Amino acid sequence: MAISLSKGQKVDLTKSNPGLQNIVVGLGWDVNKYDGGNDFDLDSSVFLLNASGKCDSEKDFIFFNNLVGANGAVEHTGDNLTGDGDGDDEQVKINLSQVPANIEKITFTITIHEAEARNQNFGQVSNAFARIFNPANGEELIRYDLGEDFSIETAVVVGELYRHNGEWKFNAIGSGYQGGLASLVRDYGLNV
């Protein structure tokens, strides 16, 4: 049974699941009834961070135009333009044993595409979640439901996998940002 996390909680991933190497991080959301005349497109992105919390290069920014990073250890399965239906809207496959040693954290974010131009924000999004499951047996290991804490934000840092004493842990962050993807990219040390 999955461990259900609240904002700010940290939980061990590999120590309590010995031998776990391959995981999938599923991210999902629903858009509230919206009649602004524009499509609503949410995107998940992944930032591969060094010990100082920054990306070493643009190759460490995984998103719909750069689906693979960390020498193939991290793979985004592609962009879902609508978010329709139940379950995961986008997924990221990770081979934990193959993540290069210089990557200390793997941060997961959700942003609203062209949010400012379309006058959209996370106040119009509900049921956002992140979950980690074992693709070998489908077992859900960790689930984090973000709740409805957001209003004007256009980007959310959902959570991060991080190394601690040779093991991988997950931190449920749930922190909103204004400025969309561009502000996240800058904060993680890249030029937009």
N, C-alpha and C. Protein backbone atom coordinates (compact mmCIF):
# COMPACT_ATOMS: atom_id res chain seq x y z
N MET A 1 0.83 -1.19 0.00
CA MET A 1 0.00 0.00 0.00
C MET A 1 0.88 1.25 0.00
N ALA A 2 0.46 2.24 -0.77
CA ALA A 2 1.25 3.45 -0.94
C ALA A 2 1.29 4.28 0.35
N ILE A 3 2.41 4.95 0.56
CA ILE A 3 2.51 5.92 1.63
C ILE A 3 1.96 7.22 1.10
N SER A 4 0.97 7.78 1.81
CA SER A 4 0.35 9.02 1.39
C SER A 4 1.01 10.17 2.15
N LEU A 5 1.53 11.15 1.40
CA LEU A 5 2.30 12.22 2.01
C LEU A 5 1.51 13.53 2.06
N SER A 6 1.89 14.36 3.02
CA SER A 6 1.40 15.74 3.11
C SER A 6 2.54 16.66 2.74
N LYS A 7 2.20 17.90 2.40
CA LYS A 7 3.21 18.89 2.05
C LYS A 7 4.29 18.96 3.12
N GLY A 8 5.55 18.92 2.69
CA GLY A 8 6.68 19.01 3.60
C GLY A 8 7.19 17.68 4.13
N GLN A 9 6.44 16.61 3.93
CA GLN A 9 6.87 15.31 4.43
C GLN A 9 7.96 14.72 3.54
N LYS A 10 8.87 14.00 4.17
CA LYS A 10 9.92 13.29 3.46
C LYS A 10 9.80 11.82 3.81
N VAL A 11 10.07 10.97 2.82
CA VAL A 11 9.96 9.54 3.06
C VAL A 11 11.05 8.81 2.30
N ASP A 12 11.52 7.74 2.90
CA ASP A 12 12.53 6.90 2.26
C ASP A 12 11.89 6.11 1.12
N LEU A 13 12.63 5.95 0.05
CA LEU A 13 12.12 5.17 -1.08
C LEU A 13 12.87 3.85 -1.23
N THR A 14 14.18 3.90 -1.32
CA THR A 14 14.94 2.68 -1.61
C THR A 14 15.26 1.85 -0.36
N LYS A 15 15.41 2.49 0.77
CA LYS A 15 15.74 1.74 1.99
C LYS A 15 14.61 0.78 2.37
N SER A 16 13.37 1.26 2.23
CA SER A 16 12.22 0.42 2.59
C SER A 16 11.78 -0.48 1.43
N ASN A 17 12.40 -0.33 0.27
CA ASN A 17 12.13 -1.18 -0.88
C ASN A 17 13.46 -1.68 -1.44
N PRO A 18 14.13 -2.59 -0.72
CA PRO A 18 15.46 -3.05 -1.13
C PRO A 18 15.44 -3.61 -2.55
N GLY A 19 16.46 -3.27 -3.31
CA GLY A 19 16.59 -3.78 -4.67
C GLY A 19 15.81 -2.97 -5.70
N LEU A 20 15.05 -1.98 -5.25
CA LEU A 20 14.28 -1.15 -6.18
C LEU A 20 15.23 -0.31 -7.03
N GLN A 21 15.15 -0.48 -8.35
CA GLN A 21 15.99 0.31 -9.24
C GLN A 21 15.16 1.16 -10.19
N ASN A 22 14.13 0.57 -10.77
CA ASN A 22 13.31 1.28 -11.74
C ASN A 22 12.01 1.75 -11.10
N ILE A 23 11.73 3.03 -11.29
CA ILE A 23 10.47 3.60 -10.80
C ILE A 23 9.85 4.42 -11.91
N VAL A 24 8.56 4.71 -11.75
CA VAL A 24 7.88 5.65 -12.62
C VAL A 24 7.23 6.69 -11.71
N VAL A 25 7.44 7.96 -12.04
CA VAL A 25 6.77 9.05 -11.35
C VAL A 25 5.63 9.49 -12.25
N GLY A 26 4.41 9.31 -11.76
CA GLY A 26 3.23 9.74 -12.50
C GLY A 26 2.72 11.05 -11.94
N LEU A 27 2.41 11.97 -12.82
CA LEU A 27 1.87 13.27 -12.42
C LEU A 27 0.51 13.44 -13.07
N GLY A 28 -0.45 13.95 -12.32
CA GLY A 28 -1.79 14.10 -12.88
C GLY A 28 -2.48 15.33 -12.34
N TRP A 29 -3.56 15.72 -13.03
CA TRP A 29 -4.32 16.91 -12.68
C TRP A 29 -5.63 16.93 -13.44
N ASP A 30 -6.54 17.75 -12.98
CA ASP A 30 -7.79 18.03 -13.68
C ASP A 30 -7.92 19.54 -13.78
N VAL A 31 -8.56 19.98 -14.84
CA VAL A 31 -8.83 21.41 -15.01
C VAL A 31 -10.28 21.64 -14.62
N ASN A 32 -10.51 22.64 -13.76
CA ASN A 32 -11.87 22.99 -13.37
C ASN A 32 -12.63 23.51 -14.58
N LYS A 33 -13.93 23.52 -14.49
CA LYS A 33 -14.73 24.06 -15.59
C LYS A 33 -14.22 25.46 -15.91
N TYR A 34 -13.92 25.69 -17.16
CA TYR A 34 -13.22 26.90 -17.57
C TYR A 34 -13.78 27.36 -18.90
N ASP A 35 -14.15 28.63 -18.99
CA ASP A 35 -14.71 29.12 -20.25
C ASP A 35 -13.97 30.36 -20.74
N GLY A 36 -12.66 30.36 -20.57
CA GLY A 36 -11.84 31.50 -20.99
C GLY A 36 -11.54 31.52 -22.47
N GLY A 37 -11.98 30.52 -23.21
CA GLY A 37 -11.79 30.52 -24.65
C GLY A 37 -10.47 29.95 -25.12
N ASN A 38 -9.57 29.63 -24.21
CA ASN A 38 -8.27 29.06 -24.59
C ASN A 38 -8.15 27.63 -24.08
N ASP A 39 -7.39 26.82 -24.79
CA ASP A 39 -7.09 25.49 -24.29
C ASP A 39 -6.25 25.60 -23.03
N PHE A 40 -6.34 24.60 -22.19
CA PHE A 40 -5.59 24.55 -20.94
C PHE A 40 -4.59 23.42 -21.07
N ASP A 41 -3.29 23.73 -21.15
CA ASP A 41 -2.27 22.70 -21.34
C ASP A 41 -1.27 22.76 -20.19
N LEU A 42 -1.27 21.72 -19.36
CA LEU A 42 -0.30 21.63 -18.29
C LEU A 42 0.84 20.72 -18.73
N ASP A 43 2.03 21.02 -18.25
CA ASP A 43 3.23 20.27 -18.63
C ASP A 43 4.02 19.91 -17.39
N SER A 44 4.53 18.68 -17.35
CA SER A 44 5.47 18.32 -16.30
C SER A 44 6.88 18.48 -16.84
N SER A 45 7.77 18.90 -15.98
CA SER A 45 9.18 19.05 -16.31
C SER A 45 10.00 18.51 -15.16
N VAL A 46 11.23 18.11 -15.47
CA VAL A 46 12.12 17.54 -14.48
C VAL A 46 13.44 18.28 -14.54
N PHE A 47 13.96 18.65 -13.38
CA PHE A 47 15.27 19.30 -13.29
C PHE A 47 16.22 18.37 -12.54
N LEU A 48 17.35 18.07 -13.17
CA LEU A 48 18.38 17.22 -12.56
C LEU A 48 19.40 18.15 -11.93
N LEU A 49 19.50 18.13 -10.61
CA LEU A 49 20.26 19.15 -9.88
C LEU A 49 21.51 18.60 -9.23
N ASN A 50 22.56 19.43 -9.21
CA ASN A 50 23.81 19.06 -8.55
C ASN A 50 23.71 19.40 -7.06
N ALA A 51 24.81 19.27 -6.34
CA ALA A 51 24.82 19.49 -4.90
C ALA A 51 24.44 20.91 -4.51
N SER A 52 24.64 21.88 -5.41
CA SER A 52 24.28 23.27 -5.10
C SER A 52 22.85 23.60 -5.55
N GLY A 53 22.09 22.59 -5.99
CA GLY A 53 20.70 22.81 -6.36
C GLY A 53 20.50 23.44 -7.72
N LYS A 54 21.48 23.30 -8.60
CA LYS A 54 21.41 23.88 -9.95
C LYS A 54 21.62 22.80 -11.00
N CYS A 55 21.14 23.07 -12.22
CA CYS A 55 21.41 22.20 -13.36
C CYS A 55 22.82 22.51 -13.87
N ASP A 56 23.58 21.46 -14.20
CA ASP A 56 24.91 21.67 -14.77
C ASP A 56 24.84 22.19 -16.20
N SER A 57 23.82 21.78 -16.94
CA SER A 57 23.66 22.22 -18.32
C SER A 57 22.20 22.07 -18.73
N GLU A 58 21.88 22.54 -19.94
CA GLU A 58 20.51 22.43 -20.44
C GLU A 58 20.07 20.97 -20.60
N LYS A 59 21.03 20.06 -20.70
CA LYS A 59 20.70 18.63 -20.80
C LYS A 59 20.04 18.11 -19.52
N ASP A 60 20.19 18.86 -18.43
CA ASP A 60 19.62 18.46 -17.14
C ASP A 60 18.21 19.00 -16.92
N PHE A 61 17.62 19.54 -17.98
CA PHE A 61 16.25 20.04 -17.96
C PHE A 61 15.44 19.13 -18.89
N ILE A 62 14.60 18.28 -18.30
CA ILE A 62 13.85 17.27 -19.05
C ILE A 62 12.41 17.77 -19.19
N PHE A 63 11.92 17.89 -20.44
CA PHE A 63 10.58 18.37 -20.70
C PHE A 63 10.15 17.89 -22.08
N PHE A 64 9.02 18.38 -22.60
CA PHE A 64 8.46 17.84 -23.84
C PHE A 64 9.37 18.00 -25.06
N ASN A 65 10.36 18.90 -25.02
CA ASN A 65 11.30 19.04 -26.14
C ASN A 65 12.65 18.38 -25.88
N ASN A 66 12.85 17.83 -24.69
CA ASN A 66 14.08 17.12 -24.33
C ASN A 66 13.66 16.00 -23.38
N LEU A 67 13.30 14.85 -23.95
CA LEU A 67 12.65 13.79 -23.17
C LEU A 67 13.57 12.90 -22.36
N VAL A 68 14.88 12.92 -22.64
CA VAL A 68 15.79 11.99 -21.96
C VAL A 68 16.98 12.74 -21.37
N GLY A 69 17.37 12.37 -20.15
CA GLY A 69 18.53 12.98 -19.50
C GLY A 69 19.23 11.98 -18.61
N ALA A 70 20.28 12.47 -17.94
CA ALA A 70 21.06 11.64 -17.01
C ALA A 70 21.60 10.39 -17.70
N ASN A 71 22.14 10.58 -18.90
CA ASN A 71 22.68 9.46 -19.69
C ASN A 71 21.66 8.35 -19.90
N GLY A 72 20.40 8.73 -20.06
CA GLY A 72 19.34 7.76 -20.31
C GLY A 72 18.64 7.25 -19.07
N ALA A 73 19.08 7.66 -17.88
CA ALA A 73 18.48 7.16 -16.63
C ALA A 73 17.13 7.80 -16.33
N VAL A 74 16.85 8.96 -16.94
CA VAL A 74 15.59 9.67 -16.71
C VAL A 74 14.93 9.89 -18.06
N GLU A 75 13.68 9.43 -18.19
CA GLU A 75 12.97 9.56 -19.47
C GLU A 75 11.54 10.04 -19.24
N HIS A 76 11.23 11.18 -19.82
CA HIS A 76 9.87 11.73 -19.83
C HIS A 76 9.13 11.03 -20.97
N THR A 77 7.93 10.51 -20.71
CA THR A 77 7.25 9.73 -21.75
C THR A 77 6.47 10.58 -22.74
N GLY A 78 6.44 11.90 -22.57
CA GLY A 78 5.81 12.76 -23.57
C GLY A 78 4.72 13.65 -23.02
N ASP A 79 4.36 14.62 -23.84
CA ASP A 79 3.43 15.67 -23.46
C ASP A 79 1.98 15.23 -23.67
N ASN A 80 1.15 15.41 -22.66
CA ASN A 80 -0.29 15.20 -22.76
C ASN A 80 -0.91 16.58 -22.90
N LEU A 81 -1.49 16.88 -24.03
CA LEU A 81 -1.97 18.23 -24.30
C LEU A 81 -3.31 18.56 -23.66
N THR A 82 -4.05 17.56 -23.20
CA THR A 82 -5.39 17.85 -22.69
C THR A 82 -5.56 17.55 -21.20
N GLY A 83 -4.90 16.54 -20.67
CA GLY A 83 -5.10 16.17 -19.27
C GLY A 83 -6.41 15.45 -19.04
N ASP A 84 -7.08 15.05 -20.13
CA ASP A 84 -8.37 14.37 -19.99
C ASP A 84 -8.19 12.98 -19.40
N GLY A 85 -9.23 12.49 -18.76
CA GLY A 85 -9.25 11.12 -18.26
C GLY A 85 -8.68 11.00 -16.86
N ASP A 86 -8.79 9.79 -16.33
CA ASP A 86 -8.30 9.51 -14.99
C ASP A 86 -6.85 9.04 -15.05
N GLY A 87 -6.23 8.98 -13.89
CA GLY A 87 -4.88 8.44 -13.79
C GLY A 87 -3.82 9.47 -14.14
N ASP A 88 -2.61 8.98 -14.42
CA ASP A 88 -1.48 9.85 -14.71
C ASP A 88 -1.70 10.59 -16.03
N ASP A 89 -1.39 11.87 -16.03
CA ASP A 89 -1.43 12.63 -17.28
C ASP A 89 -0.07 12.58 -17.97
N GLU A 90 1.00 12.60 -17.21
CA GLU A 90 2.35 12.47 -17.76
C GLU A 90 3.17 11.62 -16.81
N GLN A 91 4.18 10.94 -17.37
CA GLN A 91 5.01 10.05 -16.56
C GLN A 91 6.49 10.26 -16.86
N VAL A 92 7.30 9.97 -15.84
CA VAL A 92 8.75 10.03 -15.96
C VAL A 92 9.30 8.70 -15.45
N LYS A 93 10.04 8.00 -16.33
CA LYS A 93 10.67 6.73 -15.94
C LYS A 93 12.08 7.02 -15.45
N ILE A 94 12.45 6.38 -14.34
CA ILE A 94 13.78 6.61 -13.76
C ILE A 94 14.42 5.29 -13.37
N ASN A 95 15.67 5.10 -13.80
CA ASN A 95 16.48 4.01 -13.32
C ASN A 95 17.41 4.59 -12.27
N LEU A 96 17.07 4.41 -11.00
CA LEU A 96 17.80 5.04 -9.89
C LEU A 96 19.27 4.62 -9.85
N SER A 97 19.55 3.38 -10.21
CA SER A 97 20.93 2.89 -10.14
C SER A 97 21.82 3.48 -11.23
N GLN A 98 21.21 4.06 -12.27
CA GLN A 98 21.98 4.63 -13.38
C GLN A 98 22.11 6.15 -13.34
N VAL A 99 21.47 6.79 -12.37
CA VAL A 99 21.56 8.25 -12.28
C VAL A 99 23.00 8.63 -11.94
N PRO A 100 23.65 9.48 -12.77
CA PRO A 100 25.04 9.86 -12.52
C PRO A 100 25.23 10.45 -11.12
N ALA A 101 26.40 10.21 -10.54
CA ALA A 101 26.69 10.60 -9.16
C ALA A 101 26.60 12.11 -8.93
N ASN A 102 26.83 12.93 -9.97
CA ASN A 102 26.78 14.38 -9.78
C ASN A 102 25.36 14.90 -9.62
N ILE A 103 24.36 14.08 -9.91
CA ILE A 103 22.97 14.50 -9.74
C ILE A 103 22.51 14.09 -8.35
N GLU A 104 22.28 15.11 -7.51
CA GLU A 104 21.89 14.90 -6.12
C GLU A 104 20.37 14.89 -5.94
N LYS A 105 19.68 15.66 -6.80
CA LYS A 105 18.23 15.79 -6.68
C LYS A 105 17.60 15.72 -8.06
N ILE A 106 16.41 15.13 -8.10
CA ILE A 106 15.58 15.10 -9.30
C ILE A 106 14.27 15.77 -8.91
N THR A 107 14.05 16.98 -9.44
CA THR A 107 12.91 17.80 -9.04
C THR A 107 11.82 17.75 -10.10
N PHE A 108 10.58 17.56 -9.65
CA PHE A 108 9.43 17.43 -10.53
C PHE A 108 8.55 18.67 -10.42
N THR A 109 8.20 19.24 -11.58
CA THR A 109 7.39 20.45 -11.60
C THR A 109 6.22 20.28 -12.56
N ILE A 110 5.18 21.08 -12.36
CA ILE A 110 4.06 21.17 -13.30
C ILE A 110 3.87 22.66 -13.59
N THR A 111 3.78 22.99 -14.87
CA THR A 111 3.57 24.37 -15.28
C THR A 111 2.38 24.44 -16.23
N ILE A 112 1.81 25.63 -16.34
CA ILE A 112 0.72 25.86 -17.28
C ILE A 112 1.32 26.54 -18.51
N HIS A 113 1.18 25.91 -19.66
CA HIS A 113 1.73 26.44 -20.91
C HIS A 113 1.06 27.77 -21.27
N GLU A 114 1.89 28.79 -21.50
CA GLU A 114 1.41 30.13 -21.87
C GLU A 114 0.36 30.66 -20.89
N ALA A 115 0.58 30.43 -19.61
CA ALA A 115 -0.40 30.79 -18.58
C ALA A 115 -0.73 32.28 -18.56
N GLU A 116 0.30 33.12 -18.64
CA GLU A 116 0.05 34.56 -18.56
C GLU A 116 -0.77 35.02 -19.77
N ALA A 117 -0.37 34.61 -20.96
CA ALA A 117 -1.06 35.03 -22.18
C ALA A 117 -2.51 34.54 -22.20
N ARG A 118 -2.74 33.37 -21.61
CA ARG A 118 -4.09 32.78 -21.62
C ARG A 118 -4.88 33.12 -20.35
N ASN A 119 -4.26 33.89 -19.44
CA ASN A 119 -4.91 34.28 -18.19
C ASN A 119 -5.36 33.05 -17.40
N GLN A 120 -4.43 32.10 -17.22
CA GLN A 120 -4.72 30.86 -16.51
C GLN A 120 -3.78 30.73 -15.32
N ASN A 121 -4.24 30.00 -14.29
CA ASN A 121 -3.40 29.78 -13.11
C ASN A 121 -3.84 28.50 -12.39
N PHE A 122 -3.10 28.13 -11.36
CA PHE A 122 -3.38 26.89 -10.65
C PHE A 122 -4.63 26.95 -9.77
N GLY A 123 -5.23 28.13 -9.63
CA GLY A 123 -6.53 28.21 -8.98
C GLY A 123 -7.60 27.51 -9.80
N GLN A 124 -7.32 27.29 -11.09
CA GLN A 124 -8.25 26.63 -12.00
C GLN A 124 -7.94 25.14 -12.17
N VAL A 125 -7.02 24.63 -11.36
CA VAL A 125 -6.60 23.23 -11.46
C VAL A 125 -6.97 22.52 -10.16
N SER A 126 -7.43 21.30 -10.28
CA SER A 126 -7.76 20.52 -9.08
C SER A 126 -7.21 19.10 -9.22
N ASN A 127 -7.24 18.39 -8.12
CA ASN A 127 -6.84 16.98 -8.07
C ASN A 127 -5.43 16.73 -8.59
N ALA A 128 -4.52 17.70 -8.42
CA ALA A 128 -3.13 17.50 -8.85
C ALA A 128 -2.44 16.54 -7.88
N PHE A 129 -1.64 15.64 -8.44
CA PHE A 129 -0.95 14.66 -7.62
C PHE A 129 0.35 14.22 -8.26
N ALA A 130 1.19 13.62 -7.43
CA ALA A 130 2.37 12.90 -7.91
C ALA A 130 2.34 11.56 -7.22
N ARG A 131 2.74 10.53 -7.95
CA ARG A 131 2.82 9.21 -7.34
C ARG A 131 4.05 8.51 -7.89
N ILE A 132 4.61 7.64 -7.10
CA ILE A 132 5.75 6.84 -7.53
C ILE A 132 5.33 5.39 -7.46
N PHE A 133 5.53 4.67 -8.57
CA PHE A 133 5.20 3.25 -8.55
C PHE A 133 6.30 2.42 -9.16
N ASN A 134 6.25 1.15 -8.82
CA ASN A 134 7.21 0.16 -9.32
C ASN A 134 6.64 -0.41 -10.61
N PRO A 135 7.29 -0.16 -11.77
CA PRO A 135 6.73 -0.65 -13.03
C PRO A 135 6.78 -2.17 -13.17
N ALA A 136 7.60 -2.83 -12.36
CA ALA A 136 7.70 -4.29 -12.45
C ALA A 136 6.41 -4.97 -12.01
N ASN A 137 5.74 -4.38 -11.00
CA ASN A 137 4.52 -5.02 -10.49
C ASN A 137 3.34 -4.05 -10.38
N GLY A 138 3.56 -2.77 -10.75
CA GLY A 138 2.49 -1.78 -10.70
C GLY A 138 2.18 -1.25 -9.31
N GLU A 139 2.94 -1.69 -8.30
CA GLU A 139 2.67 -1.28 -6.93
C GLU A 139 2.96 0.20 -6.72
N GLU A 140 1.96 0.92 -6.24
CA GLU A 140 2.15 2.33 -5.91
C GLU A 140 2.87 2.41 -4.56
N LEU A 141 4.01 3.12 -4.54
CA LEU A 141 4.84 3.20 -3.34
C LEU A 141 4.58 4.48 -2.55
N ILE A 142 4.44 5.59 -3.28
CA ILE A 142 4.27 6.89 -2.65
C ILE A 142 3.22 7.66 -3.43
N ARG A 143 2.38 8.39 -2.71
CA ARG A 143 1.40 9.26 -3.36
C ARG A 143 1.36 10.58 -2.61
N TYR A 144 1.33 11.67 -3.37
CA TYR A 144 1.24 13.00 -2.79
C TYR A 144 0.17 13.77 -3.54
N ASP A 145 -0.95 14.04 -2.85
CA ASP A 145 -2.03 14.85 -3.42
C ASP A 145 -1.79 16.30 -3.00
N LEU A 146 -1.68 17.18 -4.00
CA LEU A 146 -1.28 18.56 -3.72
C LEU A 146 -2.34 19.39 -3.04
N GLY A 147 -3.59 19.02 -3.12
CA GLY A 147 -4.63 19.82 -2.50
C GLY A 147 -4.96 21.06 -3.34
N GLU A 148 -5.72 21.97 -2.77
CA GLU A 148 -6.21 23.14 -3.50
C GLU A 148 -5.60 24.41 -2.93
N ASP A 149 -4.30 24.38 -2.63
CA ASP A 149 -3.66 25.51 -1.95
C ASP A 149 -3.24 26.64 -2.88
N PHE A 150 -3.51 26.53 -4.16
CA PHE A 150 -2.95 27.48 -5.11
C PHE A 150 -4.04 28.40 -5.67
N SER A 151 -3.62 29.60 -6.06
CA SER A 151 -4.58 30.53 -6.68
C SER A 151 -3.95 31.16 -7.91
N ILE A 152 -3.03 32.10 -7.72
CA ILE A 152 -2.49 32.84 -8.86
C ILE A 152 -1.23 32.22 -9.45
N GLU A 153 -0.74 31.14 -8.86
CA GLU A 153 0.51 30.54 -9.32
C GLU A 153 0.35 29.93 -10.72
N THR A 154 1.45 29.95 -11.48
CA THR A 154 1.45 29.38 -12.83
C THR A 154 2.41 28.21 -12.95
N ALA A 155 3.09 27.89 -11.86
CA ALA A 155 4.01 26.75 -11.82
C ALA A 155 4.00 26.19 -10.40
N VAL A 156 4.23 24.89 -10.28
CA VAL A 156 4.30 24.26 -8.97
C VAL A 156 5.50 23.30 -8.95
N VAL A 157 6.33 23.42 -7.92
CA VAL A 157 7.35 22.41 -7.66
C VAL A 157 6.64 21.36 -6.82
N VAL A 158 6.44 20.19 -7.43
CA VAL A 158 5.65 19.14 -6.79
C VAL A 158 6.45 18.44 -5.70
N GLY A 159 7.64 17.97 -6.05
CA GLY A 159 8.47 17.24 -5.11
C GLY A 159 9.80 16.91 -5.71
N GLU A 160 10.62 16.22 -4.92
CA GLU A 160 11.94 15.86 -5.42
C GLU A 160 12.40 14.53 -4.84
N LEU A 161 13.08 13.79 -5.69
CA LEU A 161 13.83 12.63 -5.24
C LEU A 161 15.23 13.14 -4.89
N TYR A 162 15.79 12.69 -3.80
CA TYR A 162 17.13 13.13 -3.46
C TYR A 162 17.90 12.00 -2.79
N ARG A 163 19.23 12.09 -2.94
CA ARG A 163 20.11 11.09 -2.33
C ARG A 163 20.42 11.48 -0.89
N HIS A 164 20.41 10.47 -0.02
CA HIS A 164 20.79 10.68 1.37
C HIS A 164 21.45 9.41 1.88
N ASN A 165 22.72 9.50 2.21
CA ASN A 165 23.49 8.34 2.69
C ASN A 165 23.36 7.13 1.77
N GLY A 166 23.45 7.37 0.46
CA GLY A 166 23.43 6.28 -0.51
C GLY A 166 22.05 5.74 -0.84
N GLU A 167 21.02 6.31 -0.24
CA GLU A 167 19.64 5.88 -0.51
C GLU A 167 18.88 7.04 -1.16
N TRP A 168 17.78 6.71 -1.85
CA TRP A 168 16.92 7.72 -2.44
C TRP A 168 15.71 7.95 -1.55
N LYS A 169 15.38 9.23 -1.36
CA LYS A 169 14.21 9.63 -0.58
C LYS A 169 13.36 10.55 -1.44
N PHE A 170 12.11 10.77 -1.02
CA PHE A 170 11.21 11.68 -1.72
C PHE A 170 10.74 12.76 -0.75
N ASN A 171 10.76 14.01 -1.22
CA ASN A 171 10.31 15.14 -0.44
C ASN A 171 9.09 15.75 -1.14
N ALA A 172 7.96 15.80 -0.44
CA ALA A 172 6.73 16.39 -0.98
C ALA A 172 6.80 17.90 -0.76
N ILE A 173 7.06 18.66 -1.83
CA ILE A 173 7.30 20.10 -1.68
C ILE A 173 6.02 20.92 -1.83
N GLY A 174 5.33 20.81 -2.96
CA GLY A 174 4.07 21.52 -3.15
C GLY A 174 4.19 23.03 -3.05
N SER A 175 5.20 23.60 -3.68
CA SER A 175 5.45 25.04 -3.60
C SER A 175 5.07 25.72 -4.91
N GLY A 176 4.20 26.73 -4.83
CA GLY A 176 3.76 27.45 -6.02
C GLY A 176 4.70 28.56 -6.43
N TYR A 177 4.71 28.85 -7.73
CA TYR A 177 5.55 29.90 -8.31
C TYR A 177 4.72 30.75 -9.23
N GLN A 178 5.06 32.04 -9.31
CA GLN A 178 4.55 32.87 -10.38
C GLN A 178 5.67 32.99 -11.40
N GLY A 179 5.32 33.34 -12.63
CA GLY A 179 6.35 33.47 -13.67
C GLY A 179 6.52 32.22 -14.49
N GLY A 180 5.73 31.19 -14.19
CA GLY A 180 5.72 29.98 -15.01
C GLY A 180 7.05 29.28 -15.11
N LEU A 181 7.20 28.55 -16.21
CA LEU A 181 8.38 27.73 -16.43
C LEU A 181 9.65 28.57 -16.50
N ALA A 182 9.56 29.76 -17.07
CA ALA A 182 10.75 30.61 -17.20
C ALA A 182 11.38 30.91 -15.84
N SER A 183 10.56 31.18 -14.83
CA SER A 183 11.12 31.49 -13.51
C SER A 183 11.76 30.25 -12.88
N LEU A 184 11.17 29.09 -13.10
CA LEU A 184 11.78 27.85 -12.59
C LEU A 184 13.12 27.60 -13.25
N VAL A 185 13.17 27.75 -14.57
CA VAL A 185 14.40 27.50 -15.32
C VAL A 185 15.51 28.41 -14.80
N ARG A 186 15.20 29.68 -14.60
CA ARG A 186 16.20 30.63 -14.06
C ARG A 186 16.64 30.22 -12.66
N ASP A 187 15.68 29.88 -11.80
CA ASP A 187 16.02 29.51 -10.43
C ASP A 187 16.92 28.27 -10.36
N TYR A 188 16.80 27.40 -11.35
CA TYR A 188 17.63 26.20 -11.37
C TYR A 188 18.92 26.39 -12.18
N GLY A 189 19.27 27.66 -12.45
CA GLY A 189 20.60 27.97 -12.98
C GLY A 189 20.74 27.96 -14.50
N LEU A 190 19.63 27.96 -15.22
CA LEU A 190 19.72 27.96 -16.67
C LEU A 190 19.24 29.29 -17.24
N ASN A 191 19.70 29.61 -18.46
CA ASN A 191 19.23 30.81 -19.15
C ASN A 191 18.04 30.45 -20.02
N VAL A 192 17.06 31.32 -20.04
CA VAL A 192 15.87 31.05 -20.84
C VAL A 192 16.05 31.56 -22.24
